[in-house]
Amino acid sequence: MFDFAPPTINEIAPDVFRLGCYAPALDLQFNYFLVRDDEPLLFTTGYKASFPQLLKAVQQIIDPATLRYIAFSHFESDECGALNQWLEVAPQAEPVCSLVSAMVNINDFAIRPPRGMNDGDLLSTGKYQYRFCSTAQLPHGWDAGLLYEETQGTLFCSDLFHQGGNGKPLTESDLSEQVRATMQQMQAGPLADYIPYTKQTDKILQKLAALKPKTLAIMHGSSFAGDGEQAFQNLSTAMKDVFG
């Protein structure tokens, strides 16, 4: 397992904290998102190896034992590898994932039963309400899905808008060229075709664009504040050019 620099903590939207972990050997950020609310939510767990560092970062914001929901997009080590460690720390926490992931992965993997969500299902953390958006095969995996916070307009994007390097926590600048360059770089290496492009891809991206998100909480690279609808339109064009 590669080493991470100490996590950075930045509030990218009201009560949404970005826990940024940079892996120098990969020149890549792994970012996780904590929602501070009546029933706190962590989106993506990190690897088992990075759990101690992430735990210390969460302790600077809330008592980790009060976590109520541990959510993620799809079944992958950086998305949910440390799920059980978090569930052990937070005895009332519930795994949150797609119904597909609950059925084919998490019912067996997790130490507690998950909440499997269908497209459009709602999850309240107190002040904030999250809508589950099914995104099968996007960014990857039959079980993939995202969470959209309807009050502030924050969308947890997982691997979408993937950028390499150690960018700043939040930007208002157009990410199009960075995202396109990263996808092209991936296509030239052993992880080519890491995002499958199907006849459903553009349909899903247009559905996410229609949410008109104000903040994009991005797992790899800088998060984005601004016109989320246009950002998804640009991403759709770039993905079609690179993968389609």
Protein backbone atom coordinates (compact mmCIF):
# COMPACT_ATOMS: atom_id res chain seq x y z
CA MET A 1 0.00 0.00 0.00
CA PHE A 2 1.24 3.49 -0.88
CA ASP A 3 1.74 6.19 1.75
CA PHE A 4 -0.52 9.21 2.24
CA ALA A 5 0.46 12.69 3.33
CA PRO A 6 -1.37 13.85 6.49
CA PRO A 7 -5.01 14.66 5.63
CA THR A 8 -6.05 18.25 5.02
CA ILE A 9 -9.45 19.45 6.24
CA ASN A 10 -11.52 22.05 4.37
CA GLU A 11 -15.17 23.04 4.60
CA ILE A 12 -16.23 23.15 0.93
CA ALA A 13 -19.94 23.82 1.60
CA PRO A 14 -21.90 24.48 4.82
CA ASP A 15 -21.19 21.54 7.16
CA VAL A 16 -19.49 19.53 4.37
CA PHE A 17 -15.83 18.85 5.14
CA ARG A 18 -13.36 17.55 2.58
CA LEU A 19 -10.72 15.26 4.09
CA GLY A 20 -7.95 15.35 1.51
CA CYS A 21 -5.34 12.58 1.42
CA TYR A 22 -2.55 12.95 -1.15
CA ALA A 23 -0.58 9.90 -2.29
CA PRO A 24 2.76 11.22 -3.66
CA ALA A 25 3.71 7.90 -5.26
CA LEU A 26 0.59 8.09 -7.43
CA ASP A 27 0.46 11.89 -7.68
CA LEU A 28 -3.21 11.54 -6.81
CA GLN A 29 -5.61 12.77 -4.15
CA PHE A 30 -8.10 10.55 -2.34
CA ASN A 31 -10.77 12.82 -0.86
CA TYR A 32 -13.48 11.84 1.60
CA PHE A 33 -16.43 13.92 2.77
CA LEU A 34 -17.90 14.33 6.23
CA VAL A 35 -21.30 15.94 6.81
CA ARG A 36 -21.69 17.54 10.24
CA ASP A 37 -25.37 17.35 11.21
CA ASP A 38 -27.74 15.81 13.75
CA GLU A 39 -26.99 12.42 12.20
CA PRO A 40 -23.51 12.77 10.70
CA LEU A 41 -22.66 11.14 7.39
CA LEU A 42 -19.31 10.04 5.96
CA PHE A 43 -19.18 9.60 2.19
CA THR A 44 -16.53 7.04 1.22
CA THR A 45 -14.44 5.27 3.84
CA GLY A 46 -10.94 5.11 2.42
CA TYR A 47 -8.67 2.08 2.44
CA LYS A 48 -8.16 -0.03 5.54
CA ALA A 49 -4.55 1.19 5.61
CA SER A 50 -5.56 4.87 5.63
CA PHE A 51 -8.23 4.45 8.32
CA PRO A 52 -6.07 5.63 11.27
CA GLN A 53 -5.23 8.90 9.52
CA LEU A 54 -8.82 9.52 8.46
CA LEU A 55 -10.09 8.74 11.95
CA LYS A 56 -7.83 11.43 13.42
CA ALA A 57 -9.12 13.90 10.84
CA VAL A 58 -12.77 13.13 11.66
CA GLN A 59 -11.99 13.52 15.38
CA GLN A 60 -11.08 17.15 14.71
CA ILE A 61 -14.65 17.82 13.52
CA ILE A 62 -17.00 15.44 15.37
CA ASP A 63 -16.90 12.49 17.74
CA PRO A 64 -16.58 9.56 15.29
CA ALA A 65 -18.80 7.45 17.56
CA THR A 66 -21.73 9.71 16.60
CA LEU A 67 -21.54 8.85 12.89
CA ARG A 68 -24.96 7.67 11.74
CA TYR A 69 -24.39 6.90 8.07
CA ILE A 70 -21.39 5.52 6.17
CA ALA A 71 -22.12 5.93 2.46
CA PHE A 72 -20.21 5.26 -0.75
CA SER A 73 -20.74 5.04 -4.49
CA HIS A 74 -19.65 1.54 -5.47
CA PHE A 75 -17.79 -1.51 -4.20
CA GLU A 76 -14.08 -0.65 -4.44
CA SER A 77 -11.30 -0.52 -1.86
CA ASP A 78 -10.92 3.26 -1.73
CA GLU A 79 -14.72 3.65 -1.60
CA CYS A 80 -15.57 1.19 1.17
CA GLY A 81 -12.45 -0.79 2.14
CA ALA A 82 -12.52 0.53 5.71
CA LEU A 83 -16.30 0.24 6.11
CA ASN A 84 -16.13 -2.26 8.94
CA GLN A 85 -13.51 -0.25 10.84
CA TRP A 86 -15.86 2.75 10.77
CA LEU A 87 -18.81 0.59 11.84
CA GLU A 88 -16.80 -0.64 14.81
CA VAL A 89 -15.98 2.93 15.87
CA ALA A 90 -19.56 4.15 15.35
CA PRO A 91 -21.95 1.60 16.90
CA GLN A 92 -25.11 3.32 15.56
CA ALA A 93 -23.80 3.82 12.03
CA GLU A 94 -25.56 2.25 9.08
CA PRO A 95 -23.94 1.47 5.72
CA VAL A 96 -25.67 3.32 2.86
CA CYS A 97 -25.34 2.15 -0.73
CA SER A 98 -27.40 1.19 -3.75
CA LEU A 99 -29.90 -1.63 -3.44
CA VAL A 100 -27.77 -3.57 -5.93
CA SER A 101 -24.66 -3.14 -3.81
CA ALA A 102 -26.55 -4.17 -0.69
CA MET A 103 -27.79 -7.33 -2.39
CA VAL A 104 -24.62 -8.46 -4.15
CA ASN A 105 -21.84 -7.08 -1.91
CA ILE A 106 -22.52 -5.38 1.39
CA ASN A 107 -24.95 -7.86 2.97
CA ASP A 108 -22.02 -10.26 3.01
CA PHE A 109 -19.13 -7.79 3.43
CA ALA A 110 -20.35 -5.53 6.24
CA ILE A 111 -20.66 -6.39 9.92
CA ARG A 112 -24.12 -4.70 10.01
CA PRO A 113 -26.95 -4.74 7.47
CA PRO A 114 -26.86 -1.89 4.93
CA ARG A 115 -29.56 0.50 3.82
CA GLY A 116 -29.96 -0.28 0.13
CA MET A 117 -31.34 2.71 -1.78
CA ASN A 118 -33.25 2.93 -5.03
CA ASP A 119 -33.04 5.84 -7.44
CA GLY A 120 -34.81 8.84 -5.91
CA ASP A 121 -34.88 7.51 -2.34
CA LEU A 122 -34.28 10.17 0.34
CA LEU A 123 -32.02 10.18 3.39
CA SER A 124 -32.22 12.90 6.05
CA THR A 125 -29.30 13.78 8.32
CA GLY A 126 -31.27 16.52 10.14
CA LYS A 127 -30.88 19.90 8.44
CA TYR A 128 -29.94 18.26 5.15
CA GLN A 129 -31.72 15.86 2.85
CA TYR A 130 -29.95 13.59 0.40
CA ARG A 131 -31.40 12.06 -2.73
CA PHE A 132 -29.90 8.82 -4.02
CA CYS A 133 -29.07 8.93 -7.73
CA SER A 134 -28.53 5.56 -9.39
CA THR A 135 -25.65 5.73 -11.89
CA ALA A 136 -25.11 2.09 -12.89
CA GLN A 137 -21.67 1.58 -14.51
CA LEU A 138 -20.77 5.25 -13.91
CA PRO A 139 -18.09 5.93 -12.79
CA HIS A 140 -17.76 2.14 -12.69
CA GLY A 141 -19.70 -0.80 -11.36
CA TRP A 142 -23.21 -2.18 -11.72
CA ASP A 143 -23.87 -0.99 -8.17
CA ALA A 144 -22.79 2.65 -8.60
CA GLY A 145 -24.75 5.61 -7.25
CA LEU A 146 -24.27 9.14 -5.91
CA LEU A 147 -25.81 11.30 -3.19
CA TYR A 148 -27.21 14.77 -3.90
CA GLU A 149 -27.91 17.17 -1.03
CA GLU A 150 -31.06 19.07 -1.98
CA THR A 151 -30.80 21.97 0.50
CA GLN A 152 -27.37 23.36 -0.44
CA GLY A 153 -26.98 21.69 -3.85
CA THR A 154 -23.93 19.54 -3.10
CA LEU A 155 -23.37 16.42 -5.19
CA PHE A 156 -20.97 13.72 -3.99
CA CYS A 157 -19.39 12.72 -7.31
CA SER A 158 -17.10 9.81 -6.41
CA ASP A 159 -14.65 9.30 -9.33
CA LEU A 160 -16.41 11.61 -11.78
CA PHE A 161 -14.32 14.70 -12.65
CA HIS A 162 -11.15 12.73 -11.78
CA GLN A 163 -8.03 14.93 -11.84
CA GLY A 164 -4.44 13.94 -11.16
CA GLY A 165 -2.01 15.89 -9.02
CA ASN A 166 -2.39 17.65 -5.68
CA GLY A 167 -4.85 20.42 -6.51
CA LYS A 168 -6.37 22.93 -4.12
CA PRO A 169 -9.37 21.81 -2.09
CA LEU A 170 -11.99 23.90 -3.89
CA THR A 171 -11.96 25.80 -7.15
CA GLU A 172 -14.37 27.92 -9.17
CA SER A 173 -12.27 27.45 -12.32
CA ASP A 174 -13.40 25.26 -15.20
CA LEU A 175 -12.06 21.74 -14.68
CA SER A 176 -12.71 20.53 -18.25
CA GLU A 177 -9.16 20.44 -19.56
CA GLN A 178 -7.71 18.87 -16.42
CA VAL A 179 -10.38 16.18 -16.40
CA ARG A 180 -9.97 15.47 -20.11
CA ALA A 181 -6.17 15.26 -19.77
CA THR A 182 -6.46 12.84 -16.85
CA MET A 183 -8.85 10.57 -18.72
CA GLN A 184 -6.54 10.56 -21.74
CA GLN A 185 -3.58 9.75 -19.51
CA MET A 186 -5.48 6.84 -17.98
CA GLN A 187 -6.33 5.56 -21.45
CA ALA A 188 -2.61 5.33 -22.24
CA GLY A 189 -1.84 3.11 -19.22
CA PRO A 190 -2.74 -0.24 -17.68
CA LEU A 191 -6.01 1.14 -16.24
CA ALA A 192 -7.43 2.08 -19.66
CA ASP A 193 -11.22 2.01 -20.03
CA TYR A 194 -11.66 2.51 -16.29
CA ILE A 195 -14.92 4.29 -17.06
CA PRO A 196 -17.16 2.21 -19.34
CA TYR A 197 -18.96 4.21 -22.02
CA THR A 198 -22.39 2.80 -22.87
CA LYS A 199 -25.59 4.01 -24.49
CA GLN A 200 -26.74 4.96 -20.96
CA THR A 201 -23.72 7.14 -20.10
CA ASP A 202 -24.87 10.43 -21.60
CA LYS A 203 -28.41 9.88 -20.29
CA ILE A 204 -27.08 9.54 -16.74
CA LEU A 205 -24.81 12.59 -17.08
CA GLN A 206 -27.71 14.69 -18.39
CA LYS A 207 -29.83 13.57 -15.44
CA LEU A 208 -27.10 14.70 -13.04
CA ALA A 209 -26.72 17.99 -14.93
CA ALA A 210 -30.45 18.62 -14.51
CA LEU A 211 -29.96 18.67 -10.74
CA LYS A 212 -28.05 21.95 -11.26
CA PRO A 213 -25.62 21.25 -8.40
CA LYS A 214 -23.76 24.18 -6.88
CA THR A 215 -20.88 22.21 -5.36
CA LEU A 216 -19.27 19.07 -6.76
CA ALA A 217 -17.53 17.04 -4.04
CA ILE A 218 -14.92 15.19 -6.09
CA MET A 219 -12.96 12.21 -4.82
CA HIS A 220 -9.82 12.63 -6.93
CA GLY A 221 -8.79 16.26 -7.37
CA SER A 222 -10.21 19.67 -6.52
CA SER A 223 -13.85 20.04 -5.65
CA PHE A 224 -15.80 22.57 -7.70
CA ALA A 225 -18.12 25.46 -6.79
CA GLY A 226 -20.14 27.06 -9.55
CA ASP A 227 -22.32 26.03 -12.47
CA GLY A 228 -22.57 22.29 -11.93
CA GLU A 229 -24.98 21.88 -14.83
CA GLN A 230 -22.42 23.25 -17.30
CA ALA A 231 -19.67 21.20 -15.67
CA PHE A 232 -21.64 18.03 -16.41
CA GLN A 233 -22.30 19.14 -19.97
CA ASN A 234 -18.55 19.61 -20.42
CA LEU A 235 -17.86 16.23 -18.80
CA SER A 236 -20.33 14.55 -21.14
CA THR A 237 -18.54 15.99 -24.17
CA ALA A 238 -15.12 14.98 -22.87
CA MET A 239 -16.19 11.44 -21.99
CA LYS A 240 -17.72 10.90 -25.40
CA ASP A 241 -14.52 12.13 -27.06
CA VAL A 242 -12.22 10.00 -24.91
CA PHE A 243 -14.25 6.81 -24.34
CA GLY A 244 -17.13 6.90 -26.78
